[in-house]
Amino acid sequence: MKIKHLLATAGLMAVAALTVTAVAFGGGNKSVVCHGGKSVVNVTYRLRNDYDSGVGGNAWANDTVKRQLRVFKLKGGSYCAIAHDTGSFVTFAGTSPAGTSTVQAGIKGVLHGGYTTTVFSGTLAAKPQYKKHGNLGTFDLECTDANTCPGAYPSYSSYFSSTSGDDLATWGWMYHTAKNGNWKNTYTGNAGDIKG
């Protein structure tokens, strides 16, 4: 996953009081709490041709992701957002994600993770580009390398005409293969590698 795409493109549980801890994204004790949040966006969609970047900036895998995106309005009028991802990946030949070795093309695996935002201020768009509930379909990111993905897709900012103070509070993804190792890429640090 490329963190820059989460902000550049401007299921967890029922939300009467929703708490997402960083442990779900790879460790740490930092948490983001959406106390008494009212769900204003709850959508799912699929992303394809999302190239994953390794520590060296190289594209090491092509991801296909199912994402649940939820936005909550908090007491006092601020907002927070949560994305939960599950999916699969196929490796490209080249440098491994951790940069410790190489990886051959065609290794398949599964991934899971996501992100939570900081609590932020914003103005919900009167007529957002995407519907606020249900399945939005499939979006092709059209990546040509790890840093060039021109395809449009929804993000939490798609539902606002303006925001301020929004950033990522926690983020992370875990990648698992049957025989070629595991890779953890999170805001608290990286661990493992996928190689062979």
N, C-alpha and C. Protein backbone atom coordinates (compact mmCIF):
# COMPACT_ATOMS: atom_id res chain seq x y z
N MET A 1 0.83 -1.19 0.00
CA MET A 1 0.00 0.00 0.00
C MET A 1 0.87 1.24 0.00
N LYS A 2 0.39 2.25 -0.64
CA LYS A 2 1.13 3.50 -0.68
C LYS A 2 0.39 4.53 0.15
N ILE A 3 1.00 4.94 1.25
CA ILE A 3 0.34 5.85 2.17
C ILE A 3 -0.02 7.16 1.49
N LYS A 4 0.83 7.66 0.59
CA LYS A 4 0.56 8.94 -0.06
C LYS A 4 -0.75 8.93 -0.81
N HIS A 5 -1.16 7.76 -1.35
CA HIS A 5 -2.41 7.70 -2.10
C HIS A 5 -3.62 7.87 -1.20
N LEU A 6 -3.48 7.52 0.08
CA LEU A 6 -4.63 7.59 0.98
C LEU A 6 -5.08 9.02 1.17
N LEU A 7 -4.15 9.99 1.17
CA LEU A 7 -4.51 11.39 1.36
C LEU A 7 -4.54 12.16 0.05
N ALA A 8 -3.80 11.71 -0.93
CA ALA A 8 -3.70 12.47 -2.18
C ALA A 8 -4.98 12.42 -2.97
N THR A 9 -5.76 11.38 -2.90
CA THR A 9 -6.99 11.28 -3.66
C THR A 9 -8.14 11.97 -2.96
N ALA A 10 -7.74 12.91 -2.24
CA ALA A 10 -8.76 13.72 -1.59
C ALA A 10 -10.18 13.14 -1.89
N GLY A 11 -18.41 -4.02 8.60
CA GLY A 11 -17.76 -4.64 9.36
C GLY A 11 -16.93 -4.71 10.48
N LEU A 12 -16.23 -3.29 10.78
CA LEU A 12 -15.40 -3.50 11.96
C LEU A 12 -16.28 -3.80 13.17
N MET A 13 -17.29 -2.98 13.41
CA MET A 13 -18.28 -3.22 14.45
C MET A 13 -19.36 -2.16 14.34
N ALA A 14 -20.45 -2.38 15.03
CA ALA A 14 -21.50 -1.36 15.07
C ALA A 14 -20.95 -0.15 15.79
N VAL A 15 -21.36 1.02 15.36
CA VAL A 15 -20.72 2.23 15.86
C VAL A 15 -21.69 3.05 16.71
N ALA A 16 -21.75 2.70 17.96
CA ALA A 16 -22.31 3.61 18.93
C ALA A 16 -21.11 4.23 19.63
N ALA A 17 -20.14 3.38 19.93
CA ALA A 17 -18.84 3.87 20.41
C ALA A 17 -17.81 2.96 19.78
N LEU A 18 -17.05 3.47 18.84
CA LEU A 18 -16.13 2.65 18.06
C LEU A 18 -14.70 2.97 18.45
N THR A 19 -13.95 1.95 18.79
CA THR A 19 -12.54 2.12 19.11
C THR A 19 -11.73 1.24 18.19
N VAL A 20 -10.76 1.83 17.51
CA VAL A 20 -9.84 1.06 16.68
C VAL A 20 -8.45 1.26 17.24
N THR A 21 -7.81 0.19 17.65
CA THR A 21 -6.48 0.32 18.22
C THR A 21 -5.43 -0.03 17.21
N ALA A 22 -4.25 0.50 17.43
CA ALA A 22 -3.15 0.28 16.51
C ALA A 22 -2.72 -1.17 16.48
N VAL A 23 -3.07 -1.94 17.52
CA VAL A 23 -2.71 -3.35 17.53
C VAL A 23 -3.23 -4.03 16.28
N ALA A 24 -4.40 -3.61 15.81
CA ALA A 24 -4.97 -4.19 14.59
C ALA A 24 -4.09 -3.90 13.39
N PHE A 25 -3.26 -2.88 13.47
CA PHE A 25 -2.43 -2.49 12.35
C PHE A 25 -0.96 -2.72 12.64
N GLY A 26 -0.64 -3.60 13.57
CA GLY A 26 0.74 -4.01 13.70
C GLY A 26 1.42 -3.68 15.00
N GLY A 27 0.71 -3.24 16.01
CA GLY A 27 1.36 -3.07 17.30
C GLY A 27 1.25 -1.66 17.83
N GLY A 28 1.80 -1.48 18.99
CA GLY A 28 1.78 -0.16 19.61
C GLY A 28 0.56 -0.01 20.50
N ASN A 29 0.51 1.09 21.25
CA ASN A 29 -0.61 1.30 22.14
C ASN A 29 -1.39 2.56 21.81
N LYS A 30 -1.10 3.17 20.69
CA LYS A 30 -1.83 4.35 20.25
C LYS A 30 -3.22 3.93 19.80
N SER A 31 -4.22 4.74 20.08
CA SER A 31 -5.57 4.40 19.64
C SER A 31 -6.29 5.64 19.13
N VAL A 32 -7.25 5.39 18.30
CA VAL A 32 -8.13 6.45 17.81
C VAL A 32 -9.53 6.04 18.23
N VAL A 33 -10.22 6.94 18.90
CA VAL A 33 -11.53 6.61 19.43
C VAL A 33 -12.57 7.53 18.81
N CYS A 34 -13.64 6.94 18.29
CA CYS A 34 -14.75 7.70 17.73
C CYS A 34 -15.94 7.53 18.67
N HIS A 35 -15.89 8.19 19.84
CA HIS A 35 -16.94 8.05 20.85
C HIS A 35 -18.26 8.60 20.35
N GLY A 36 -19.29 7.79 20.43
CA GLY A 36 -20.62 8.24 20.06
C GLY A 36 -20.75 8.68 18.62
N GLY A 37 -19.85 8.20 17.77
CA GLY A 37 -19.86 8.63 16.39
C GLY A 37 -21.07 8.12 15.64
N LYS A 38 -21.62 8.98 14.80
CA LYS A 38 -22.74 8.59 13.93
C LYS A 38 -22.18 8.29 12.55
N SER A 39 -22.50 7.12 12.03
CA SER A 39 -22.02 6.74 10.70
C SER A 39 -22.67 7.62 9.64
N VAL A 40 -21.83 8.30 8.85
CA VAL A 40 -22.34 9.12 7.75
C VAL A 40 -21.93 8.56 6.39
N VAL A 41 -20.91 7.69 6.38
CA VAL A 41 -20.50 6.99 5.16
C VAL A 41 -20.15 5.56 5.56
N ASN A 42 -20.68 4.59 4.83
CA ASN A 42 -20.34 3.19 5.05
C ASN A 42 -20.42 2.49 3.71
N VAL A 43 -19.26 2.38 3.04
CA VAL A 43 -19.23 1.81 1.69
C VAL A 43 -18.16 0.72 1.59
N THR A 44 -18.33 -0.13 0.61
CA THR A 44 -17.31 -1.09 0.25
C THR A 44 -17.01 -0.92 -1.24
N TYR A 45 -15.79 -1.25 -1.61
CA TYR A 45 -15.42 -1.23 -3.02
C TYR A 45 -14.15 -2.04 -3.20
N ARG A 46 -13.84 -2.32 -4.45
CA ARG A 46 -12.67 -3.11 -4.79
C ARG A 46 -11.68 -2.25 -5.55
N LEU A 47 -10.40 -2.40 -5.19
CA LEU A 47 -9.31 -1.72 -5.89
C LEU A 47 -8.47 -2.77 -6.61
N ARG A 48 -8.14 -2.51 -7.86
CA ARG A 48 -7.25 -3.43 -8.58
C ARG A 48 -6.10 -2.66 -9.20
N ASN A 49 -5.04 -3.38 -9.52
CA ASN A 49 -3.82 -2.79 -10.07
C ASN A 49 -3.26 -1.70 -9.16
N ASP A 50 -3.19 -2.03 -7.87
CA ASP A 50 -2.60 -1.15 -6.86
C ASP A 50 -1.20 -1.70 -6.57
N TYR A 51 -0.18 -1.03 -7.06
CA TYR A 51 1.18 -1.53 -6.90
C TYR A 51 1.72 -1.16 -5.53
N ASP A 52 2.27 -2.16 -4.86
CA ASP A 52 2.83 -1.96 -3.53
C ASP A 52 4.28 -1.52 -3.62
N SER A 53 4.63 -0.55 -2.78
CA SER A 53 6.03 -0.08 -2.76
C SER A 53 6.79 -0.71 -1.61
N GLY A 54 8.04 -1.12 -1.89
CA GLY A 54 8.92 -1.62 -0.86
C GLY A 54 9.69 -0.48 -0.21
N VAL A 55 10.57 -0.82 0.72
CA VAL A 55 11.31 0.22 1.44
C VAL A 55 12.20 1.03 0.50
N GLY A 56 12.60 0.46 -0.62
CA GLY A 56 13.42 1.17 -1.59
C GLY A 56 12.62 1.96 -2.61
N GLY A 57 11.28 1.98 -2.46
CA GLY A 57 10.43 2.69 -3.41
C GLY A 57 10.06 1.86 -4.62
N ASN A 58 10.53 0.62 -4.69
CA ASN A 58 10.26 -0.25 -5.82
C ASN A 58 8.87 -0.87 -5.73
N ALA A 59 8.26 -1.12 -6.88
CA ALA A 59 7.00 -1.86 -6.92
C ALA A 59 7.33 -3.34 -6.80
N TRP A 60 6.88 -3.97 -5.72
CA TRP A 60 7.19 -5.39 -5.51
C TRP A 60 5.99 -6.31 -5.69
N ALA A 61 4.76 -5.74 -5.71
CA ALA A 61 3.57 -6.58 -5.86
C ALA A 61 2.41 -5.78 -6.44
N ASN A 62 1.48 -6.50 -7.04
CA ASN A 62 0.24 -5.93 -7.54
C ASN A 62 -0.88 -6.43 -6.63
N ASP A 63 -1.58 -5.48 -5.98
CA ASP A 63 -2.63 -5.83 -5.03
C ASP A 63 -4.01 -5.72 -5.64
N THR A 64 -4.89 -6.59 -5.17
CA THR A 64 -6.33 -6.48 -5.39
C THR A 64 -6.96 -6.43 -4.01
N VAL A 65 -7.67 -5.36 -3.71
CA VAL A 65 -8.12 -5.09 -2.35
C VAL A 65 -9.62 -4.88 -2.29
N LYS A 66 -10.26 -5.48 -1.28
CA LYS A 66 -11.63 -5.13 -0.95
C LYS A 66 -11.55 -4.21 0.27
N ARG A 67 -12.12 -3.01 0.15
CA ARG A 67 -12.03 -2.01 1.22
C ARG A 67 -13.42 -1.68 1.76
N GLN A 68 -13.51 -1.61 3.08
CA GLN A 68 -14.67 -1.01 3.73
C GLN A 68 -14.21 0.34 4.25
N LEU A 69 -14.89 1.39 3.83
CA LEU A 69 -14.59 2.75 4.25
C LEU A 69 -15.76 3.29 5.06
N ARG A 70 -15.44 3.77 6.27
CA ARG A 70 -16.49 4.33 7.13
C ARG A 70 -16.05 5.71 7.61
N VAL A 71 -16.98 6.65 7.59
CA VAL A 71 -16.75 8.00 8.11
C VAL A 71 -17.78 8.25 9.20
N PHE A 72 -17.32 8.83 10.30
CA PHE A 72 -18.18 9.08 11.45
C PHE A 72 -18.20 10.55 11.80
N LYS A 73 -19.40 11.05 12.11
CA LYS A 73 -19.54 12.40 12.64
C LYS A 73 -19.59 12.30 14.16
N LEU A 74 -18.72 13.05 14.81
CA LEU A 74 -18.59 12.99 16.26
C LEU A 74 -19.36 14.11 16.92
N LYS A 75 -19.57 13.98 18.22
CA LYS A 75 -20.18 15.06 18.98
C LYS A 75 -19.30 16.29 18.83
N GLY A 76 -19.90 17.45 18.65
CA GLY A 76 -19.14 18.67 18.44
C GLY A 76 -18.91 18.97 16.97
N GLY A 77 -19.29 18.01 16.08
CA GLY A 77 -19.22 18.28 14.65
C GLY A 77 -17.95 17.87 13.94
N SER A 78 -16.99 17.27 14.63
CA SER A 78 -15.77 16.80 13.95
C SER A 78 -16.02 15.40 13.38
N TYR A 79 -15.03 14.90 12.64
CA TYR A 79 -15.17 13.62 11.94
C TYR A 79 -13.94 12.74 12.16
N CYS A 80 -14.10 11.46 11.89
CA CYS A 80 -12.96 10.54 11.77
C CYS A 80 -13.34 9.48 10.75
N ALA A 81 -12.35 8.79 10.21
CA ALA A 81 -12.61 7.79 9.17
C ALA A 81 -11.75 6.56 9.41
N ILE A 82 -12.27 5.43 8.99
CA ILE A 82 -11.59 4.14 9.14
C ILE A 82 -11.72 3.37 7.84
N ALA A 83 -10.62 2.80 7.38
CA ALA A 83 -10.64 1.90 6.22
C ALA A 83 -10.12 0.55 6.66
N HIS A 84 -10.81 -0.50 6.26
CA HIS A 84 -10.38 -1.86 6.57
C HIS A 84 -10.22 -2.61 5.25
N ASP A 85 -9.03 -3.17 5.02
CA ASP A 85 -8.70 -3.84 3.76
C ASP A 85 -8.47 -5.33 3.95
N THR A 86 -8.95 -6.10 3.01
CA THR A 86 -8.58 -7.50 2.85
C THR A 86 -8.34 -7.71 1.36
N GLY A 87 -7.49 -8.67 1.02
CA GLY A 87 -7.27 -8.89 -0.40
C GLY A 87 -6.15 -9.85 -0.69
N SER A 88 -5.62 -9.74 -1.89
CA SER A 88 -4.57 -10.64 -2.35
C SER A 88 -3.53 -9.85 -3.12
N PHE A 89 -2.37 -10.47 -3.31
CA PHE A 89 -1.30 -9.84 -4.09
C PHE A 89 -0.55 -10.88 -4.89
N VAL A 90 0.12 -10.41 -5.93
CA VAL A 90 1.01 -11.23 -6.75
C VAL A 90 2.30 -10.44 -6.93
N THR A 91 3.44 -11.08 -6.66
CA THR A 91 4.72 -10.36 -6.70
C THR A 91 5.21 -10.11 -8.12
N PHE A 92 6.01 -9.04 -8.24
CA PHE A 92 6.81 -8.78 -9.42
C PHE A 92 8.23 -9.28 -9.15
N ALA A 93 8.98 -9.61 -10.18
CA ALA A 93 10.38 -9.98 -10.00
C ALA A 93 11.19 -8.73 -9.67
N GLY A 94 12.08 -8.85 -8.68
CA GLY A 94 12.91 -7.71 -8.32
C GLY A 94 13.30 -7.72 -6.86
N THR A 95 13.50 -6.55 -6.32
CA THR A 95 13.90 -6.41 -4.92
C THR A 95 12.72 -6.75 -4.01
N SER A 96 12.99 -7.46 -2.92
CA SER A 96 11.96 -7.83 -1.96
C SER A 96 11.43 -6.58 -1.24
N PRO A 97 10.24 -6.67 -0.62
CA PRO A 97 9.66 -5.48 0.01
C PRO A 97 10.55 -4.86 1.09
N ALA A 98 11.23 -5.68 1.88
CA ALA A 98 12.11 -5.14 2.93
C ALA A 98 13.48 -4.76 2.39
N GLY A 99 13.76 -5.11 1.14
CA GLY A 99 15.04 -4.77 0.53
C GLY A 99 16.20 -5.63 0.98
N THR A 100 15.91 -6.78 1.59
CA THR A 100 16.98 -7.65 2.08
C THR A 100 17.40 -8.71 1.08
N SER A 101 16.59 -8.89 0.02
CA SER A 101 16.86 -9.96 -0.94
C SER A 101 16.12 -9.64 -2.24
N THR A 102 15.85 -10.69 -2.99
CA THR A 102 15.05 -10.55 -4.21
C THR A 102 13.82 -11.43 -4.11
N VAL A 103 12.88 -11.17 -4.99
CA VAL A 103 11.65 -11.96 -5.03
C VAL A 103 11.35 -12.26 -6.50
N GLN A 104 10.88 -13.46 -6.77
CA GLN A 104 10.53 -13.82 -8.14
C GLN A 104 9.11 -13.39 -8.45
N ALA A 105 8.79 -13.31 -9.71
CA ALA A 105 7.44 -12.96 -10.14
C ALA A 105 6.48 -14.10 -9.87
N GLY A 106 5.23 -13.76 -9.58
CA GLY A 106 4.17 -14.75 -9.51
C GLY A 106 3.90 -15.37 -8.15
N ILE A 107 4.60 -14.94 -7.10
CA ILE A 107 4.29 -15.46 -5.76
C ILE A 107 2.98 -14.82 -5.30
N LYS A 108 2.05 -15.66 -4.87
CA LYS A 108 0.74 -15.17 -4.46
C LYS A 108 0.62 -15.17 -2.94
N GLY A 109 -0.18 -14.24 -2.45
CA GLY A 109 -0.42 -14.16 -1.02
C GLY A 109 -1.67 -13.38 -0.71
N VAL A 110 -1.94 -13.24 0.59
CA VAL A 110 -3.10 -12.49 1.05
C VAL A 110 -2.63 -11.32 1.90
N LEU A 111 -3.47 -10.30 2.00
CA LEU A 111 -3.13 -9.12 2.79
C LEU A 111 -4.34 -8.68 3.60
N HIS A 112 -4.05 -7.96 4.67
CA HIS A 112 -5.10 -7.32 5.46
C HIS A 112 -4.50 -6.13 6.20
N GLY A 113 -5.34 -5.18 6.55
CA GLY A 113 -4.88 -4.00 7.27
C GLY A 113 -5.82 -2.84 7.05
N GLY A 114 -5.25 -1.64 7.02
CA GLY A 114 -6.06 -0.45 6.81
C GLY A 114 -5.48 0.76 7.52
N TYR A 115 -6.35 1.74 7.75
CA TYR A 115 -5.90 2.96 8.41
C TYR A 115 -7.03 3.60 9.20
N THR A 116 -6.67 4.45 10.13
CA THR A 116 -7.61 5.33 10.81
C THR A 116 -7.06 6.74 10.66
N THR A 117 -7.96 7.71 10.57
CA THR A 117 -7.53 9.10 10.49
C THR A 117 -7.50 9.72 11.88
N THR A 118 -6.86 10.85 11.97
CA THR A 118 -7.02 11.69 13.14
C THR A 118 -8.44 12.25 13.13
N VAL A 119 -8.88 12.77 14.26
CA VAL A 119 -10.15 13.50 14.31
C VAL A 119 -9.93 14.83 13.59
N PHE A 120 -10.85 15.16 12.67
CA PHE A 120 -10.64 16.34 11.84
C PHE A 120 -11.93 17.13 11.68
N SER A 121 -11.79 18.37 11.24
CA SER A 121 -12.94 19.22 10.93
C SER A 121 -13.21 19.14 9.44
N GLY A 122 -14.45 19.31 9.06
CA GLY A 122 -14.76 19.27 7.65
C GLY A 122 -16.19 19.66 7.36
N THR A 123 -16.46 19.85 6.08
CA THR A 123 -17.80 20.14 5.59
C THR A 123 -18.17 19.04 4.61
N LEU A 124 -19.19 18.25 4.98
CA LEU A 124 -19.64 17.19 4.08
C LEU A 124 -20.13 17.80 2.78
N ALA A 125 -19.77 17.19 1.67
CA ALA A 125 -20.22 17.67 0.36
C ALA A 125 -21.72 17.48 0.23
N ALA A 126 -22.40 18.47 -0.32
CA ALA A 126 -23.86 18.38 -0.51
C ALA A 126 -24.20 17.26 -1.48
N LYS A 127 -23.40 17.12 -2.55
CA LYS A 127 -23.60 16.05 -3.53
C LYS A 127 -22.27 15.38 -3.81
N PRO A 128 -21.87 14.43 -2.95
CA PRO A 128 -20.58 13.77 -3.17
C PRO A 128 -20.58 12.97 -4.46
N GLN A 129 -19.39 12.74 -4.98
CA GLN A 129 -19.22 12.00 -6.24
C GLN A 129 -19.68 10.55 -6.11
N TYR A 130 -19.55 9.99 -4.91
CA TYR A 130 -19.88 8.59 -4.67
C TYR A 130 -21.03 8.48 -3.68
N LYS A 131 -21.84 7.42 -3.82
CA LYS A 131 -22.93 7.23 -2.86
C LYS A 131 -22.35 6.93 -1.48
N LYS A 132 -23.13 7.19 -0.45
CA LYS A 132 -22.64 7.12 0.93
C LYS A 132 -22.80 5.75 1.57
N HIS A 133 -23.59 4.87 0.95
CA HIS A 133 -23.84 3.56 1.54
C HIS A 133 -23.87 2.51 0.44
N GLY A 134 -23.41 1.31 0.78
CA GLY A 134 -23.47 0.19 -0.15
C GLY A 134 -22.17 -0.06 -0.89
N ASN A 135 -22.27 -0.87 -1.93
CA ASN A 135 -21.10 -1.26 -2.72
C ASN A 135 -20.93 -0.30 -3.89
N LEU A 136 -19.71 0.22 -4.03
CA LEU A 136 -19.43 1.19 -5.09
C LEU A 136 -18.85 0.55 -6.36
N GLY A 137 -18.57 -0.76 -6.32
CA GLY A 137 -18.02 -1.42 -7.49
C GLY A 137 -16.51 -1.53 -7.45
N THR A 138 -15.89 -1.58 -8.62
CA THR A 138 -14.44 -1.79 -8.76
C THR A 138 -13.79 -0.58 -9.37
N PHE A 139 -12.62 -0.23 -8.85
CA PHE A 139 -11.84 0.91 -9.33
C PHE A 139 -10.45 0.43 -9.71
N ASP A 140 -9.99 0.79 -10.89
CA ASP A 140 -8.67 0.41 -11.39
C ASP A 140 -7.70 1.57 -11.12
N LEU A 141 -6.70 1.33 -10.29
CA LEU A 141 -5.73 2.39 -9.98
C LEU A 141 -4.77 2.64 -11.15
N GLU A 142 -4.70 1.71 -12.09
CA GLU A 142 -3.91 1.88 -13.31
C GLU A 142 -2.44 2.19 -13.03
N CYS A 143 -1.90 1.57 -11.99
CA CYS A 143 -0.50 1.84 -11.64
C CYS A 143 0.43 1.40 -12.76
N THR A 144 1.45 2.20 -13.00
CA THR A 144 2.50 1.85 -13.95
C THR A 144 3.83 1.60 -13.22
N ASP A 145 3.94 2.10 -12.01
CA ASP A 145 5.05 1.79 -11.11
C ASP A 145 4.56 2.09 -9.70
N ALA A 146 5.42 1.98 -8.70
CA ALA A 146 4.98 2.14 -7.32
C ALA A 146 4.48 3.53 -7.00
N ASN A 147 4.89 4.52 -7.77
CA ASN A 147 4.54 5.91 -7.44
C ASN A 147 3.64 6.59 -8.46
N THR A 148 3.24 5.86 -9.50
CA THR A 148 2.39 6.45 -10.54
C THR A 148 1.14 5.60 -10.68
N CYS A 149 0.06 6.08 -10.07
CA CYS A 149 -1.21 5.38 -10.09
C CYS A 149 -2.32 6.40 -10.36
N PRO A 150 -2.59 6.68 -11.65
CA PRO A 150 -3.51 7.76 -11.99
C PRO A 150 -4.99 7.44 -11.85
N GLY A 151 -5.34 6.17 -11.60
CA GLY A 151 -6.75 5.82 -11.52
C GLY A 151 -7.44 6.45 -10.33
N ALA A 152 -8.64 6.97 -10.54
CA ALA A 152 -9.41 7.60 -9.46
C ALA A 152 -10.14 6.54 -8.64
N TYR A 153 -10.26 6.79 -7.35
CA TYR A 153 -11.03 5.91 -6.47
C TYR A 153 -11.46 6.71 -5.23
N PRO A 154 -12.48 6.22 -4.51
CA PRO A 154 -12.98 6.97 -3.36
C PRO A 154 -12.00 6.93 -2.19
N SER A 155 -11.94 8.02 -1.45
CA SER A 155 -11.28 8.06 -0.16
C SER A 155 -12.21 8.83 0.77
N TYR A 156 -11.88 8.89 2.04
CA TYR A 156 -12.76 9.62 2.95
C TYR A 156 -12.92 11.08 2.52
N SER A 157 -11.86 11.67 1.95
CA SER A 157 -11.93 13.08 1.55
C SER A 157 -12.86 13.30 0.36
N SER A 158 -13.22 12.23 -0.36
CA SER A 158 -14.16 12.34 -1.47
C SER A 158 -15.53 12.82 -1.02
N TYR A 159 -15.82 12.66 0.26
CA TYR A 159 -17.14 12.99 0.79
C TYR A 159 -17.22 14.38 1.42
N PHE A 160 -16.13 15.15 1.32
CA PHE A 160 -16.07 16.47 1.92
C PHE A 160 -15.76 17.53 0.87
N SER A 161 -16.36 18.71 1.05
CA SER A 161 -16.00 19.84 0.20
C SER A 161 -14.76 20.53 0.74
N SER A 162 -14.50 20.36 2.04
CA SER A 162 -13.27 20.88 2.65
C SER A 162 -12.99 20.12 3.94
N THR A 163 -11.71 19.99 4.27
CA THR A 163 -11.30 19.37 5.54
C THR A 163 -10.13 20.16 6.11
N SER A 164 -9.93 20.00 7.42
CA SER A 164 -8.75 20.57 8.04
C SER A 164 -8.37 19.73 9.24
N GLY A 165 -7.06 19.54 9.41
CA GLY A 165 -6.55 18.74 10.51
C GLY A 165 -6.57 17.25 10.25
N ASP A 166 -6.89 16.83 9.02
CA ASP A 166 -6.94 15.41 8.75
C ASP A 166 -5.57 14.87 8.38
N ASP A 167 -5.27 13.73 8.94
CA ASP A 167 -4.01 13.03 8.71
C ASP A 167 -4.26 11.58 9.08
N LEU A 168 -3.26 10.74 8.90
CA LEU A 168 -3.39 9.35 9.31
C LEU A 168 -2.88 9.21 10.74
N ALA A 169 -3.70 8.62 11.60
CA ALA A 169 -3.29 8.36 12.98
C ALA A 169 -2.62 7.00 13.09
N THR A 170 -3.20 6.00 12.45
CA THR A 170 -2.60 4.66 12.40
C THR A 170 -2.77 4.12 10.99
N TRP A 171 -1.83 3.30 10.56
CA TRP A 171 -1.94 2.62 9.27
C TRP A 171 -1.03 1.41 9.29
N GLY A 172 -1.41 0.41 8.53
CA GLY A 172 -0.56 -0.77 8.42
C GLY A 172 -1.21 -1.88 7.64
N TRP A 173 -0.37 -2.69 7.02
CA TRP A 173 -0.83 -3.85 6.27
C TRP A 173 0.10 -5.03 6.55
N MET A 174 -0.49 -6.22 6.61
CA MET A 174 0.24 -7.47 6.76
C MET A 174 0.08 -8.29 5.49
N TYR A 175 1.19 -8.88 5.04
CA TYR A 175 1.21 -9.68 3.81
C TYR A 175 1.70 -11.09 4.16
N HIS A 176 0.95 -12.10 3.74
CA HIS A 176 1.26 -13.48 4.09
C HIS A 176 1.37 -14.34 2.83
N THR A 177 2.39 -15.18 2.78
CA THR A 177 2.50 -16.18 1.71
C THR A 177 2.58 -17.56 2.33
N ALA A 178 2.34 -18.59 1.54
CA ALA A 178 2.38 -19.96 2.04
C ALA A 178 3.81 -20.40 2.36
N LYS A 179 4.80 -19.99 1.50
CA LYS A 179 6.16 -20.50 1.68
C LYS A 179 7.25 -19.45 1.57
N ASN A 180 6.90 -18.23 1.24
CA ASN A 180 7.93 -17.23 0.93
C ASN A 180 8.04 -16.10 1.96
N GLY A 181 7.47 -16.33 3.12
CA GLY A 181 7.61 -15.35 4.19
C GLY A 181 6.43 -14.42 4.33
N ASN A 182 6.56 -13.54 5.31
CA ASN A 182 5.52 -12.56 5.63
C ASN A 182 6.16 -11.19 5.76
N TRP A 183 5.38 -10.15 5.48
CA TRP A 183 5.88 -8.77 5.51
C TRP A 183 4.87 -7.91 6.25
N LYS A 184 5.36 -7.17 7.24
CA LYS A 184 4.54 -6.22 7.98
C LYS A 184 5.03 -4.83 7.66
N ASN A 185 4.13 -3.97 7.18
CA ASN A 185 4.45 -2.58 6.83
C ASN A 185 3.48 -1.69 7.58
N THR A 186 3.94 -1.05 8.68
CA THR A 186 3.04 -0.27 9.52
C THR A 186 3.69 1.04 9.95
N TYR A 187 2.85 1.91 10.52
CA TYR A 187 3.34 3.19 11.01
C TYR A 187 4.29 3.03 12.20
N THR A 188 4.25 1.86 12.86
CA THR A 188 5.17 1.62 13.97
C THR A 188 6.47 0.98 13.51
N GLY A 189 6.56 0.60 12.24
CA GLY A 189 7.78 -0.01 11.73
C GLY A 189 7.47 -1.21 10.84
N ASN A 190 8.51 -1.75 10.23
CA ASN A 190 8.38 -2.88 9.33
C ASN A 190 9.02 -4.11 9.94
N ALA A 191 8.59 -5.28 9.50
CA ALA A 191 9.18 -6.53 9.98
C ALA A 191 8.99 -7.62 8.94
N GLY A 192 9.95 -8.56 8.90
CA GLY A 192 9.87 -9.70 8.00
C GLY A 192 10.24 -9.31 6.58
N ASP A 193 9.97 -10.21 5.65
CA ASP A 193 10.22 -9.98 4.23
C ASP A 193 9.56 -11.08 3.44
N ILE A 194 9.34 -10.85 2.17
CA ILE A 194 8.85 -11.88 1.25
C ILE A 194 9.90 -12.01 0.17
N LYS A 195 10.45 -13.22 0.04
CA LYS A 195 11.55 -13.41 -0.89
C LYS A 195 11.52 -14.83 -1.43
N GLY A 196 12.39 -15.06 -2.42
CA GLY A 196 12.51 -16.40 -2.96
C GLY A 196 12.24 -16.43 -4.45
